[in-house]
PDB file of N, CA and C in Angstrom:
ATOM      1  N   MET A   1     -11.689  -6.944   4.767  1.00  0.00           N
ATOM      2  CA  MET A   1     -10.730  -6.013   4.246  1.00  0.00           C
ATOM      3  C   MET A   1     -11.265  -4.596   4.459  1.00  0.00           C
ATOM      4  N   THR A   2     -10.388  -3.691   4.829  1.00  0.00           N
ATOM      5  CA  THR A   2     -10.756  -2.301   5.074  1.00  0.00           C
ATOM      6  C   THR A   2      -9.949  -1.393   4.166  1.00  0.00           C
ATOM      7  N   LEU A   3     -10.627  -0.460   3.532  1.00  0.00           N
ATOM      8  CA  LEU A   3      -9.926   0.539   2.738  1.00  0.00           C
ATOM      9  C   LEU A   3      -9.091   1.381   3.687  1.00  0.00           C
ATOM     10  N   ASN A   4      -7.785   1.468   3.438  1.00  0.00           N
ATOM     11  CA  ASN A   4      -6.862   2.144   4.341  1.00  0.00           C
ATOM     12  C   ASN A   4      -6.807   3.646   4.119  1.00  0.00           C
ATOM     13  N   HIS A   5      -6.703   4.063   2.857  1.00  0.00           N
ATOM     14  CA  HIS A   5      -6.590   5.487   2.570  1.00  0.00           C
ATOM     15  C   HIS A   5      -6.889   5.757   1.104  1.00  0.00           C
ATOM     16  N   LEU A   6      -7.018   7.030   0.796  1.00  0.00           N
ATOM     17  CA  LEU A   6      -7.166   7.485  -0.579  1.00  0.00           C
ATOM     18  C   LEU A   6      -6.090   8.524  -0.810  1.00  0.00           C
ATOM     19  N   ASN A   7      -5.356   8.379  -1.909  1.00  0.00           N
ATOM     20  CA  ASN A   7      -4.316   9.332  -2.274  1.00  0.00           C
ATOM     21  C   ASN A   7      -4.820  10.157  -3.453  1.00  0.00           C
ATOM     22  N   LEU A   8      -4.890  11.470  -3.290  1.00  0.00           N
ATOM     23  CA  LEU A   8      -5.311  12.360  -4.368  1.00  0.00           C
ATOM     24  C   LEU A   8      -4.132  13.224  -4.799  1.00  0.00           C
ATOM     25  N   THR A   9      -3.982  13.377  -6.090  1.00  0.00           N
ATOM     26  CA  THR A   9      -2.955  14.238  -6.649  1.00  0.00           C
ATOM     27  C   THR A   9      -3.526  15.642  -6.790  1.00  0.00           C
ATOM     28  N   VAL A  10      -2.802  16.627  -6.270  1.00  0.00           N
ATOM     29  CA  VAL A  10      -3.250  18.020  -6.320  1.00  0.00           C
ATOM     30  C   VAL A  10      -2.103  18.916  -6.787  1.00  0.00           C
ATOM     31  N   SER A  11      -2.451  20.105  -7.255  1.00  0.00           N
ATOM     32  CA  SER A  11      -1.425  21.024  -7.758  1.00  0.00           C
ATOM     33  C   SER A  11      -0.791  21.863  -6.647  1.00  0.00           C
ATOM     34  N   ASP A  12      -1.460  22.003  -5.511  1.00  0.00           N
ATOM     35  CA  ASP A  12      -0.942  22.794  -4.391  1.00  0.00           C
ATOM     36  C   ASP A  12      -1.352  22.096  -3.092  1.00  0.00           C
ATOM     37  N   VAL A  13      -0.411  21.398  -2.489  1.00  0.00           N
ATOM     38  CA  VAL A  13      -0.705  20.581  -1.306  1.00  0.00           C
ATOM     39  C   VAL A  13      -1.177  21.436  -0.129  1.00  0.00           C
ATOM     40  N   ALA A  14      -0.504  22.538   0.130  1.00  0.00           N
ATOM     41  CA  ALA A  14      -0.883  23.380   1.271  1.00  0.00           C
ATOM     42  C   ALA A  14      -2.296  23.933   1.093  1.00  0.00           C
ATOM     43  N   HIS A  15      -2.608  24.392  -0.098  1.00  0.00           N
ATOM     44  CA  HIS A  15      -3.942  24.947  -0.362  1.00  0.00           C
ATOM     45  C   HIS A  15      -5.001  23.852  -0.250  1.00  0.00           C
ATOM     46  N   ALA A  16      -4.733  22.679  -0.826  1.00  0.00           N
ATOM     47  CA  ALA A  16      -5.688  21.567  -0.764  1.00  0.00           C
ATOM     48  C   ALA A  16      -5.881  21.097   0.678  1.00  0.00           C
ATOM     49  N   SER A  17      -4.798  21.040   1.441  1.00  0.00           N
ATOM     50  CA  SER A  17      -4.898  20.647   2.846  1.00  0.00           C
ATOM     51  C   SER A  17      -5.789  21.632   3.605  1.00  0.00           C
ATOM     52  N   HIS A  18      -5.590  22.902   3.363  1.00  0.00           N
ATOM     53  CA  HIS A  18      -6.427  23.933   3.992  1.00  0.00           C
ATOM     54  C   HIS A  18      -7.895  23.754   3.587  1.00  0.00           C
ATOM     55  N   PHE A  19      -8.146  23.496   2.309  1.00  0.00           N
ATOM     56  CA  PHE A  19      -9.509  23.291   1.815  1.00  0.00           C
ATOM     57  C   PHE A  19     -10.192  22.129   2.542  1.00  0.00           C
ATOM     58  N   PHE A  20      -9.544  20.962   2.581  1.00  0.00           N
ATOM     59  CA  PHE A  20     -10.162  19.786   3.201  1.00  0.00           C
ATOM     60  C   PHE A  20     -10.354  19.978   4.708  1.00  0.00           C
ATOM     61  N   GLN A  21      -9.468  20.728   5.342  1.00  0.00           N
ATOM     62  CA  GLN A  21      -9.638  21.000   6.769  1.00  0.00           C
ATOM     63  C   GLN A  21     -10.751  22.017   7.022  1.00  0.00           C
ATOM     64  N   THR A  22     -10.778  23.072   6.239  1.00  0.00           N
ATOM     65  CA  THR A  22     -11.732  24.160   6.452  1.00  0.00           C
ATOM     66  C   THR A  22     -13.164  23.758   6.132  1.00  0.00           C
ATOM     67  N   TYR A  23     -13.358  23.055   5.012  1.00  0.00           N
ATOM     68  CA  TYR A  23     -14.719  22.810   4.531  1.00  0.00           C
ATOM     69  C   TYR A  23     -15.238  21.388   4.744  1.00  0.00           C
ATOM     70  N   LEU A  24     -14.336  20.421   4.914  1.00  0.00           N
ATOM     71  CA  LEU A  24     -14.798  19.036   4.973  1.00  0.00           C
ATOM     72  C   LEU A  24     -14.409  18.318   6.262  1.00  0.00           C
ATOM     73  N   GLY A  25     -13.909  19.045   7.244  1.00  0.00           N
ATOM     74  CA  GLY A  25     -13.714  18.504   8.582  1.00  0.00           C
ATOM     75  C   GLY A  25     -12.493  17.638   8.800  1.00  0.00           C
ATOM     76  N   PHE A  26     -11.536  17.650   7.897  1.00  0.00           N
ATOM     77  CA  PHE A  26     -10.324  16.854   8.085  1.00  0.00           C
ATOM     78  C   PHE A  26      -9.373  17.560   9.043  1.00  0.00           C
ATOM     79  N   LYS A  27      -8.521  16.765   9.687  1.00  0.00           N
ATOM     80  CA  LYS A  27      -7.497  17.272  10.598  1.00  0.00           C
ATOM     81  C   LYS A  27      -6.152  16.699  10.166  1.00  0.00           C
ATOM     82  N   PRO A  28      -5.061  17.443  10.401  1.00  0.00           N
ATOM     83  CA  PRO A  28      -3.744  16.901  10.057  1.00  0.00           C
ATOM     84  C   PRO A  28      -3.440  15.654  10.887  1.00  0.00           C
ATOM     85  N   ALA A  29      -2.803  14.679  10.253  1.00  0.00           N
ATOM     86  CA  ALA A  29      -2.330  13.494  10.981  1.00  0.00           C
ATOM     87  C   ALA A  29      -1.048  13.894  11.717  1.00  0.00           C
ATOM     88  N   ASP A  30      -0.347  12.934  12.254  1.00  0.00           N
ATOM     89  CA  ASP A  30       0.868  13.212  13.018  1.00  0.00           C
ATOM     90  C   ASP A  30       1.919  13.957  12.205  1.00  0.00           C
ATOM     91  N   MET A  31       2.007  13.615  10.924  1.00  0.00           N
ATOM     92  CA  MET A  31       3.022  14.202  10.064  1.00  0.00           C
ATOM     93  C   MET A  31       2.624  15.630   9.680  1.00  0.00           C
ATOM     94  N   PRO A  32       3.500  16.626   9.885  1.00  0.00           N
ATOM     95  CA  PRO A  32       3.115  17.980   9.480  1.00  0.00           C
ATOM     96  C   PRO A  32       3.043  18.094   7.954  1.00  0.00           C
ATOM     97  N   PRO A  33       2.018  18.778   7.435  1.00  0.00           N
ATOM     98  CA  PRO A  33       1.917  18.948   5.986  1.00  0.00           C
ATOM     99  C   PRO A  33       3.110  19.732   5.452  1.00  0.00           C
ATOM    100  N   ASN A  34       3.475  19.454   4.227  1.00  0.00           N
ATOM    101  CA  ASN A  34       4.528  20.215   3.562  1.00  0.00           C
ATOM    102  C   ASN A  34       4.102  20.440   2.120  1.00  0.00           C
ATOM    103  N   ASP A  35       4.981  20.970   1.284  1.00  0.00           N
ATOM    104  CA  ASP A  35       4.570  21.291  -0.084  1.00  0.00           C
ATOM    105  C   ASP A  35       4.466  20.065  -0.981  1.00  0.00           C
ATOM    106  N   ALA A  36       4.878  18.907  -0.497  1.00  0.00           N
ATOM    107  CA  ALA A  36       4.855  17.692  -1.311  1.00  0.00           C
ATOM    108  C   ALA A  36       3.774  16.704  -0.895  1.00  0.00           C
ATOM    109  N   LEU A  37       3.460  16.645   0.408  1.00  0.00           N
ATOM    110  CA  LEU A  37       2.575  15.602   0.908  1.00  0.00           C
ATOM    111  C   LEU A  37       1.877  16.060   2.187  1.00  0.00           C
ATOM    112  N   ALA A  38       0.598  15.744   2.285  1.00  0.00           N
ATOM    113  CA  ALA A  38      -0.153  15.980   3.520  1.00  0.00           C
ATOM    114  C   ALA A  38      -0.993  14.741   3.794  1.00  0.00           C
ATOM    115  N   VAL A  39      -0.994  14.304   5.040  1.00  0.00           N
ATOM    116  CA  VAL A  39      -1.822  13.182   5.467  1.00  0.00           C
ATOM    117  C   VAL A  39      -2.857  13.752   6.432  1.00  0.00           C
ATOM    118  N   LEU A  40      -4.138  13.542   6.089  1.00  0.00           N
ATOM    119  CA  LEU A  40      -5.235  14.097   6.878  1.00  0.00           C
ATOM    120  C   LEU A  40      -6.152  12.983   7.366  1.00  0.00           C
ATOM    121  N   ASN A  41      -6.746  13.192   8.525  1.00  0.00           N
ATOM    122  CA  ASN A  41      -7.736  12.263   9.066  1.00  0.00           C
ATOM    123  C   ASN A  41      -9.113  12.902   8.975  1.00  0.00           C
ATOM    124  N   GLY A  42     -10.078  12.145   8.440  1.00  0.00           N
ATOM    125  CA  GLY A  42     -11.448  12.627   8.353  1.00  0.00           C
ATOM    126  C   GLY A  42     -12.157  12.489   9.677  1.00  0.00           C
ATOM    127  N   PRO A  43     -13.324  13.112   9.806  1.00  0.00           N
ATOM    128  CA  PRO A  43     -14.093  13.028  11.051  1.00  0.00           C
ATOM    129  C   PRO A  43     -14.409  11.593  11.467  1.00  0.00           C
ATOM    130  N   ASP A  44     -14.490  10.683  10.488  1.00  0.00           N
ATOM    131  CA  ASP A  44     -14.783   9.276  10.773  1.00  0.00           C
ATOM    132  C   ASP A  44     -13.522   8.425  10.860  1.00  0.00           C
ATOM    133  N   GLY A  45     -12.338   9.059  10.821  1.00  0.00           N
ATOM    134  CA  GLY A  45     -11.080   8.335  10.902  1.00  0.00           C
ATOM    135  C   GLY A  45     -10.479   7.966   9.560  1.00  0.00           C
ATOM    136  N   PHE A  46     -11.181   8.257   8.464  1.00  0.00           N
ATOM    137  CA  PHE A  46     -10.657   7.940   7.137  1.00  0.00           C
ATOM    138  C   PHE A  46      -9.389   8.751   6.872  1.00  0.00           C
ATOM    139  N   ILE A  47      -8.396   8.121   6.248  1.00  0.00           N
ATOM    140  CA  ILE A  47      -7.128   8.779   5.954  1.00  0.00           C
ATOM    141  C   ILE A  47      -7.137   9.261   4.507  1.00  0.00           C
ATOM    142  N   LEU A  48      -6.877  10.545   4.328  1.00  0.00           N
ATOM    143  CA  LEU A  48      -6.770  11.155   3.009  1.00  0.00           C
ATOM    144  C   LEU A  48      -5.345  11.648   2.835  1.00  0.00           C
ATOM    145  N   VAL A  49      -4.704  11.215   1.763  1.00  0.00           N
ATOM    146  CA  VAL A  49      -3.346  11.646   1.451  1.00  0.00           C
ATOM    147  C   VAL A  49      -3.420  12.588   0.257  1.00  0.00           C
ATOM    148  N   LEU A  50      -2.815  13.745   0.393  1.00  0.00           N
ATOM    149  CA  LEU A  50      -2.727  14.708  -0.701  1.00  0.00           C
ATOM    150  C   LEU A  50      -1.277  14.759  -1.152  1.00  0.00           C
ATOM    151  N   MET A  51      -1.045  14.463  -2.422  1.00  0.00           N
ATOM    152  CA  MET A  51       0.308  14.402  -2.953  1.00  0.00           C
ATOM    153  C   MET A  51       0.434  15.374  -4.120  1.00  0.00           C
ATOM    154  N   HIS A  52       1.539  16.094  -4.171  1.00  0.00           N
ATOM    155  CA  HIS A  52       1.756  17.055  -5.249  1.00  0.00           C
ATOM    156  C   HIS A  52       1.839  16.331  -6.587  1.00  0.00           C
ATOM    157  N   ASP A  53       1.257  16.949  -7.610  1.00  0.00           N
ATOM    158  CA  ASP A  53       1.210  16.291  -8.921  1.00  0.00           C
ATOM    159  C   ASP A  53       2.582  16.111  -9.565  1.00  0.00           C
ATOM    160  N   ARG A  54       3.623  16.742  -9.047  1.00  0.00           N
ATOM    161  CA  ARG A  54       4.964  16.541  -9.618  1.00  0.00           C
ATOM    162  C   ARG A  54       5.478  15.111  -9.407  1.00  0.00           C
ATOM    163  N   PHE A  55       4.843  14.356  -8.515  1.00  0.00           N
ATOM    164  CA  PHE A  55       5.260  12.975  -8.280  1.00  0.00           C
ATOM    165  C   PHE A  55       4.718  12.002  -9.317  1.00  0.00           C
ATOM    166  N   ASN A  56       3.848  12.445 -10.194  1.00  0.00           N
ATOM    167  CA  ASN A  56       3.352  11.590 -11.274  1.00  0.00           C
ATOM    168  C   ASN A  56       4.426  11.510 -12.346  1.00  0.00           C
ATOM    169  N   GLU A  57       5.126  10.399 -12.392  1.00  0.00           N
ATOM    170  CA  GLU A  57       6.255  10.248 -13.307  1.00  0.00           C
ATOM    171  C   GLU A  57       5.871  10.424 -14.764  1.00  0.00           C
ATOM    172  N   SER A  58       4.687   9.986 -15.138  1.00  0.00           N
ATOM    173  CA  SER A  58       4.263  10.087 -16.532  1.00  0.00           C
ATOM    174  C   SER A  58       3.697  11.471 -16.857  1.00  0.00           C
ATOM    175  N   GLY A  59       3.550  12.319 -15.848  1.00  0.00           N
ATOM    176  CA  GLY A  59       2.984  13.642 -16.070  1.00  0.00           C
ATOM    177  C   GLY A  59       1.471  13.650 -16.131  1.00  0.00           C
ATOM    178  N   GLN A  60       0.838  12.496 -15.943  1.00  0.00           N
ATOM    179  CA  GLN A  60      -0.622  12.394 -16.004  1.00  0.00           C
ATOM    180  C   GLN A  60      -1.206  12.879 -14.678  1.00  0.00           C
ATOM    181  N   CYS A  61      -1.915  13.995 -14.731  1.00  0.00           N
ATOM    182  CA  CYS A  61      -2.483  14.563 -13.506  1.00  0.00           C
ATOM    183  C   CYS A  61      -3.993  14.690 -13.560  1.00  0.00           C
ATOM    184  N   ALA A  62      -4.613  14.208 -14.630  1.00  0.00           N
ATOM    185  CA  ALA A  62      -6.064  14.338 -14.775  1.00  0.00           C
ATOM    186  C   ALA A  62      -6.762  13.056 -14.338  1.00  0.00           C
ATOM    187  N   TYR A  63      -7.920  13.234 -13.736  1.00  0.00           N
ATOM    188  CA  TYR A  63      -8.762  12.097 -13.383  1.00  0.00           C
ATOM    189  C   TYR A  63      -9.763  11.869 -14.513  1.00  0.00           C
ATOM    190  N   PRO A  64     -10.287  10.661 -14.654  1.00  0.00           N
ATOM    191  CA  PRO A  64     -11.347  10.432 -15.650  1.00  0.00           C
ATOM    192  C   PRO A  64     -12.535  11.362 -15.371  1.00  0.00           C
ATOM    193  N   ASP A  65     -13.279  11.697 -16.408  1.00  0.00           N
ATOM    194  CA  ASP A  65     -14.382  12.659 -16.297  1.00  0.00           C
ATOM    195  C   ASP A  65     -15.354  12.347 -15.166  1.00  0.00           C
ATOM    196  N   ALA A  66     -15.718  11.099 -14.993  1.00  0.00           N
ATOM    197  CA  ALA A  66     -16.733  10.736 -13.999  1.00  0.00           C
ATOM    198  C   ALA A  66     -16.143  10.432 -12.620  1.00  0.00           C
ATOM    199  N   PHE A  67     -14.812  10.445 -12.483  1.00  0.00           N
ATOM    200  CA  PHE A  67     -14.204  10.167 -11.186  1.00  0.00           C
ATOM    201  C   PHE A  67     -14.609  11.255 -10.202  1.00  0.00           C
ATOM    202  N   HIS A  68     -15.016  10.837  -9.007  1.00  0.00           N
ATOM    203  CA  HIS A  68     -15.323  11.809  -7.969  1.00  0.00           C
ATOM    204  C   HIS A  68     -15.211  11.162  -6.598  1.00  0.00           C
ATOM    205  N   ILE A  69     -15.140  12.010  -5.588  1.00  0.00           N
ATOM    206  CA  ILE A  69     -15.195  11.541  -4.210  1.00  0.00           C
ATOM    207  C   ILE A  69     -16.473  12.120  -3.606  1.00  0.00           C
ATOM    208  N   GLY A  70     -17.113  11.354  -2.752  1.00  0.00           N
ATOM    209  CA  GLY A  70     -18.391  11.777  -2.196  1.00  0.00           C
ATOM    210  C   GLY A  70     -18.365  11.825  -0.683  1.00  0.00           C
ATOM    211  N   PHE A  71     -19.046  12.817  -0.149  1.00  0.00           N
ATOM    212  CA  PHE A  71     -19.179  12.984   1.291  1.00  0.00           C
ATOM    213  C   PHE A  71     -20.653  12.954   1.645  1.00  0.00           C
ATOM    214  N   TYR A  72     -21.001  12.099   2.586  1.00  0.00           N
ATOM    215  CA  TYR A  72     -22.385  11.895   2.994  1.00  0.00           C
ATOM    216  C   TYR A  72     -22.643  12.663   4.283  1.00  0.00           C
ATOM    217  N   LEU A  73     -23.656  13.500   4.275  1.00  0.00           N
ATOM    218  CA  LEU A  73     -24.017  14.297   5.445  1.00  0.00           C
ATOM    219  C   LEU A  73     -25.326  13.791   6.045  1.00  0.00           C
ATOM    220  N   PRO A  74     -25.623  14.153   7.307  1.00  0.00           N
ATOM    221  CA  PRO A  74     -26.790  13.579   7.980  1.00  0.00           C
ATOM    222  C   PRO A  74     -28.141  14.039   7.448  1.00  0.00           C
ATOM    223  N   ASP A  75     -28.222  15.259   6.882  1.00  0.00           N
ATOM    224  CA  ASP A  75     -29.526  15.753   6.435  1.00  0.00           C
ATOM    225  C   ASP A  75     -29.363  16.890   5.429  1.00  0.00           C
ATOM    226  N   GLN A  76     -30.504  17.329   4.877  1.00  0.00           N
ATOM    227  CA  GLN A  76     -30.480  18.377   3.864  1.00  0.00           C
ATOM    228  C   GLN A  76     -29.982  19.706   4.427  1.00  0.00           C
ATOM    229  N   ALA A  77     -30.269  19.985   5.681  1.00  0.00           N
ATOM    230  CA  ALA A  77     -29.783  21.222   6.295  1.00  0.00           C
ATOM    231  C   ALA A  77     -28.255  21.260   6.289  1.00  0.00           C
ATOM    232  N   ALA A  78     -27.621  20.128   6.560  1.00  0.00           N
ATOM    233  CA  ALA A  78     -26.159  20.061   6.546  1.00  0.00           C
ATOM    234  C   ALA A  78     -25.615  20.248   5.132  1.00  0.00           C
ATOM    235  N   VAL A  79     -26.329  19.720   4.132  1.00  0.00           N
ATOM    236  CA  VAL A  79     -25.922  19.920   2.735  1.00  0.00           C
ATOM    237  C   VAL A  79     -25.984  21.408   2.396  1.00  0.00           C
ATOM    238  N   HIS A  80     -27.097  22.053   2.744  1.00  0.00           N
ATOM    239  CA  HIS A  80     -27.234  23.492   2.486  1.00  0.00           C
ATOM    240  C   HIS A  80     -26.156  24.295   3.225  1.00  0.00           C
ATOM    241  N   GLN A  81     -25.872  23.914   4.466  1.00  0.00           N
ATOM    242  CA  GLN A  81     -24.862  24.617   5.258  1.00  0.00           C
ATOM    243  C   GLN A  81     -23.483  24.482   4.618  1.00  0.00           C
ATOM    244  N   THR A  82     -23.141  23.285   4.160  1.00  0.00           N
ATOM    245  CA  THR A  82     -21.847  23.077   3.511  1.00  0.00           C
ATOM    246  C   THR A  82     -21.765  23.879   2.223  1.00  0.00           C
ATOM    247  N   TRP A  83     -22.847  23.875   1.432  1.00  0.00           N
ATOM    248  CA  TRP A  83     -22.870  24.666   0.196  1.00  0.00           C
ATOM    249  C   TRP A  83     -22.624  26.136   0.517  1.00  0.00           C
ATOM    250  N   GLN A  84     -23.294  26.648   1.542  1.00  0.00           N
ATOM    251  CA  GLN A  84     -23.154  28.060   1.907  1.00  0.00           C
ATOM    252  C   GLN A  84     -21.734  28.378   2.364  1.00  0.00           C
ATOM    253  N   GLN A  85     -21.131  27.483   3.151  1.00  0.00           N
ATOM    254  CA  GLN A  85     -19.756  27.701   3.611  1.00  0.00           C
ATOM    255  C   GLN A  85     -18.790  27.736   2.428  1.00  0.00           C
ATOM    256  N   LEU A  86     -18.961  26.819   1.485  1.00  0.00           N
ATOM    257  CA  LEU A  86     -18.119  26.813   0.291  1.00  0.00           C
ATOM    258  C   LEU A  86     -18.318  28.106  -0.498  1.00  0.00           C
ATOM    259  N   HIS A  87     -19.568  28.482  -0.699  1.00  0.00           N
ATOM    260  CA  HIS A  87     -19.898  29.707  -1.435  1.00  0.00           C
ATOM    261  C   HIS A  87     -19.278  30.926  -0.760  1.00  0.00           C
ATOM    262  N   ASP A  88     -19.483  31.043   0.549  1.00  0.00           N
ATOM    263  CA  ASP A  88     -18.952  32.184   1.295  1.00  0.00           C
ATOM    264  C   ASP A  88     -17.424  32.207   1.294  1.00  0.00           C
ATOM    265  N   GLY A  89     -16.809  31.034   1.159  1.00  0.00           N
ATOM    266  CA  GLY A  89     -15.355  30.936   1.113  1.00  0.00           C
ATOM    267  C   GLY A  89     -14.767  31.187  -0.267  1.00  0.00           C
ATOM    268  N   GLY A  90     -15.626  31.474  -1.238  1.00  0.00           N
ATOM    269  CA  GLY A  90     -15.133  31.771  -2.583  1.00  0.00           C
ATOM    270  C   GLY A  90     -14.839  30.552  -3.432  1.00  0.00           C
ATOM    271  N   ILE A  91     -15.307  29.388  -3.011  1.00  0.00           N
ATOM    272  CA  ILE A  91     -15.117  28.174  -3.810  1.00  0.00           C
ATOM    273  C   ILE A  91     -16.117  28.222  -4.969  1.00  0.00           C
ATOM    274  N   PRO A  92     -15.655  28.094  -6.215  1.00  0.00           N
ATOM    275  CA  PRO A  92     -16.585  28.140  -7.356  1.00  0.00           C
ATOM    276  C   PRO A  92     -17.581  26.977  -7.317  1.00  0.00           C
ATOM    277  N   LEU A  93     -18.860  27.317  -7.348  1.00  0.00           N
ATOM    278  CA  LEU A  93     -19.938  26.329  -7.346  1.00  0.00           C
ATOM    279  C   LEU A  93     -20.793  26.578  -8.579  1.00  0.00           C
ATOM    280  N   THR A  94     -21.026  25.541  -9.357  1.00  0.00           N
ATOM    281  CA  THR A  94     -21.800  25.702 -10.591  1.00  0.00           C
ATOM    282  C   THR A  94     -23.243  25.246 -10.437  1.00  0.00           C
ATOM    283  N   GLU A  95     -23.577  24.673  -9.288  1.00  0.00           N
ATOM    284  CA  GLU A  95     -24.956  24.233  -9.059  1.00  0.00           C
ATOM    285  C   GLU A  95     -25.315  24.388  -7.591  1.00  0.00           C
ATOM    286  N   SER A  96     -26.600  24.453  -7.347  1.00  0.00           N
ATOM    287  CA  SER A  96     -27.130  24.516  -5.982  1.00  0.00           C
ATOM    288  C   SER A  96     -27.557  23.116  -5.549  1.00  0.00           C
ATOM    289  N   PRO A  97     -27.716  22.889  -4.247  1.00  0.00           N
ATOM    290  CA  PRO A  97     -28.206  21.588  -3.796  1.00  0.00           C
ATOM    291  C   PRO A  97     -29.559  21.265  -4.435  1.00  0.00           C
ATOM    292  N   ARG A  98     -29.731  19.990  -4.811  1.00  0.00           N
ATOM    293  CA  ARG A  98     -30.958  19.553  -5.484  1.00  0.00           C
ATOM    294  C   ARG A  98     -31.095  18.046  -5.326  1.00  0.00           C
ATOM    295  N   ARG A  99     -32.248  17.547  -5.716  1.00  0.00           N
ATOM    296  CA  ARG A  99     -32.458  16.094  -5.702  1.00  0.00           C
ATOM    297  C   ARG A  99     -31.650  15.474  -6.843  1.00  0.00           C
ATOM    298  N   ILE A 100     -30.890  14.434  -6.507  1.00  0.00           N
ATOM    299  CA  ILE A 100     -30.101  13.682  -7.484  1.00  0.00           C
ATOM    300  C   ILE A 100     -30.427  12.208  -7.245  1.00  0.00           C
ATOM    301  N   ARG A 101     -31.191  11.604  -8.154  1.00  0.00           N
ATOM    302  CA  ARG A 101     -31.668  10.233  -7.970  1.00  0.00           C
ATOM    303  C   ARG A 101     -32.348  10.102  -6.606  1.00  0.00           C
ATOM    304  N   LYS A 102     -31.837   9.278  -5.714  1.00  0.00           N
ATOM    305  CA  LYS A 102     -32.471   9.105  -4.396  1.00  0.00           C
ATOM    306  C   LYS A 102     -31.702   9.843  -3.308  1.00  0.00           C
ATOM    307  N   THR A 103     -30.956  10.853  -3.711  1.00  0.00           N
ATOM    308  CA  THR A 103     -30.205  11.657  -2.748  1.00  0.00           C
ATOM    309  C   THR A 103     -30.507  13.134  -2.966  1.00  0.00           C
ATOM    310  N   PHE A 104     -29.979  13.948  -2.080  1.00  0.00           N
ATOM    311  CA  PHE A 104     -30.095  15.399  -2.185  1.00  0.00           C
ATOM    312  C   PHE A 104     -28.704  15.959  -1.991  1.00  0.00           C
ATOM    313  N   GLY A 105     -28.207  16.721  -2.960  1.00  0.00           N
ATOM    314  CA  GLY A 105     -26.860  17.246  -2.825  1.00  0.00           C
ATOM    315  C   GLY A 105     -26.424  18.058  -4.020  1.00  0.00           C
ATOM    316  N   PHE A 106     -25.120  18.126  -4.187  1.00  0.00           N
ATOM    317  CA  PHE A 106     -24.541  18.883  -5.294  1.00  0.00           C
ATOM    318  C   PHE A 106     -23.122  18.389  -5.569  1.00  0.00           C
ATOM    319  N   TYR A 107     -22.648  18.715  -6.760  1.00  0.00           N
ATOM    320  CA  TYR A 107     -21.282  18.420  -7.184  1.00  0.00           C
ATOM    321  C   TYR A 107     -20.563  19.734  -7.422  1.00  0.00           C
ATOM    322  N   PHE A 108     -19.253  19.716  -7.230  1.00  0.00           N
ATOM    323  CA  PHE A 108     -18.422  20.862  -7.600  1.00  0.00           C
ATOM    324  C   PHE A 108     -17.003  20.356  -7.823  1.00  0.00           C
ATOM    325  N   ARG A 109     -16.185  21.193  -8.412  1.00  0.00           N
ATOM    326  CA  ARG A 109     -14.790  20.826  -8.647  1.00  0.00           C
ATOM    327  C   ARG A 109     -13.888  21.675  -7.767  1.00  0.00           C
ATOM    328  N   TYR A 110     -12.919  20.988  -7.179  1.00  0.00           N
ATOM    329  CA  TYR A 110     -11.850  21.671  -6.464  1.00  0.00           C
ATOM    330  C   TYR A 110     -10.552  21.146  -7.053  1.00  0.00           C
ATOM    331  N   ASP A 111      -9.686  22.044  -7.498  1.00  0.00           N
ATOM    332  CA  ASP A 111      -8.454  21.658  -8.187  1.00  0.00           C
ATOM    333  C   ASP A 111      -8.879  20.794  -9.367  1.00  0.00           C
ATOM    334  N   ASN A 112      -8.406  19.584  -9.483  1.00  0.00           N
ATOM    335  CA  ASN A 112      -8.808  18.702 -10.595  1.00  0.00           C
ATOM    336  C   ASN A 112      -9.715  17.568 -10.120  1.00  0.00           C
ATOM    337  N   ILE A 113     -10.367  17.764  -8.975  1.00  0.00           N
ATOM    338  CA  ILE A 113     -11.158  16.710  -8.340  1.00  0.00           C
ATOM    339  C   ILE A 113     -12.640  17.090  -8.318  1.00  0.00           C
ATOM    340  N   MET A 114     -13.501  16.191  -8.802  1.00  0.00           N
ATOM    341  CA  MET A 114     -14.940  16.403  -8.649  1.00  0.00           C
ATOM    342  C   MET A 114     -15.347  15.874  -7.272  1.00  0.00           C
ATOM    343  N   ILE A 115     -16.121  16.688  -6.551  1.00  0.00           N
ATOM    344  CA  ILE A 115     -16.545  16.342  -5.199  1.00  0.00           C
ATOM    345  C   ILE A 115     -18.070  16.371  -5.135  1.00  0.00           C
ATOM    346  N   GLU A 116     -18.634  15.360  -4.479  1.00  0.00           N
ATOM    347  CA  GLU A 116     -20.076  15.276  -4.264  1.00  0.00           C
ATOM    348  C   GLU A 116     -20.365  15.455  -2.776  1.00  0.00           C
ATOM    349  N   ILE A 117     -21.331  16.297  -2.468  1.00  0.00           N
ATOM    350  CA  ILE A 117     -21.829  16.475  -1.108  1.00  0.00           C
ATOM    351  C   ILE A 117     -23.291  16.049  -1.144  1.00  0.00           C
ATOM    352  N   THR A 118     -23.690  15.075  -0.318  1.00  0.00           N
ATOM    353  CA  THR A 118     -25.035  14.513  -0.457  1.00  0.00           C
ATOM    354  C   THR A 118     -25.592  13.981   0.862  1.00  0.00           C
ATOM    355  N   THR A 119     -26.889  13.725   0.849  1.00  0.00           N
ATOM    356  CA  THR A 119     -27.583  13.044   1.936  1.00  0.00           C
ATOM    357  C   THR A 119     -28.755  12.288   1.325  1.00  0.00           C
ATOM    358  N   ALA A 120     -29.378  11.435   2.096  1.00  0.00           N
ATOM    359  CA  ALA A 120     -30.558  10.723   1.597  1.00  0.00           C
ATOM    360  C   ALA A 120     -31.671  11.727   1.327  1.00  0.00           C
ATOM    361  N   SER A 121     -32.395  11.526   0.235  1.00  0.00           N
ATOM    362  CA  SER A 121     -33.520  12.397  -0.101  1.00  0.00           C
ATOM    363  C   SER A 121     -34.715  12.028   0.769  1.00  0.00           C
ATOM    364  N   LYS A 122     -35.447  13.031   1.215  1.00  0.00           N
ATOM    365  CA  LYS A 122     -36.622  12.811   2.074  1.00  0.00           C
ATOM    366  C   LYS A 122     -37.884  12.886   1.227  1.00  0.00           C
ATOM    367  N   ASP A 123     -38.216  11.817   0.514  1.00  0.00           N
ATOM    368  CA  ASP A 123     -39.438  11.788  -0.311  1.00  0.00           C
ATOM    369  C   ASP A 123     -40.410  10.779   0.209  1.00  0.00           C
TER     370      ASP A 123
END
């Protein structure tokens, strides 16, 4: 069995689509993004769907506190480079890259989503 896609609820589809393309290497799929839905392909072919939070019938738009998505990079230099690009782009970052258990990386929030950027720790 293969995981087909991940659907994330966001408050601004166009802005979120731009974020994932600019900082995390996603590209638009065949369908052009609009204000309701964007389908993006990751560098490894993973499909990410961004859906406007107005489609949540119950009005529930929050993720559980510990929910997050993680991106694995090849080395610590790439983690530092991604942190710097986010910082230079004005993305709020509350921590710098550091050792986390057996990895090296950092967490930050974009919209209502916690995101982890990490690589294997070199110890």
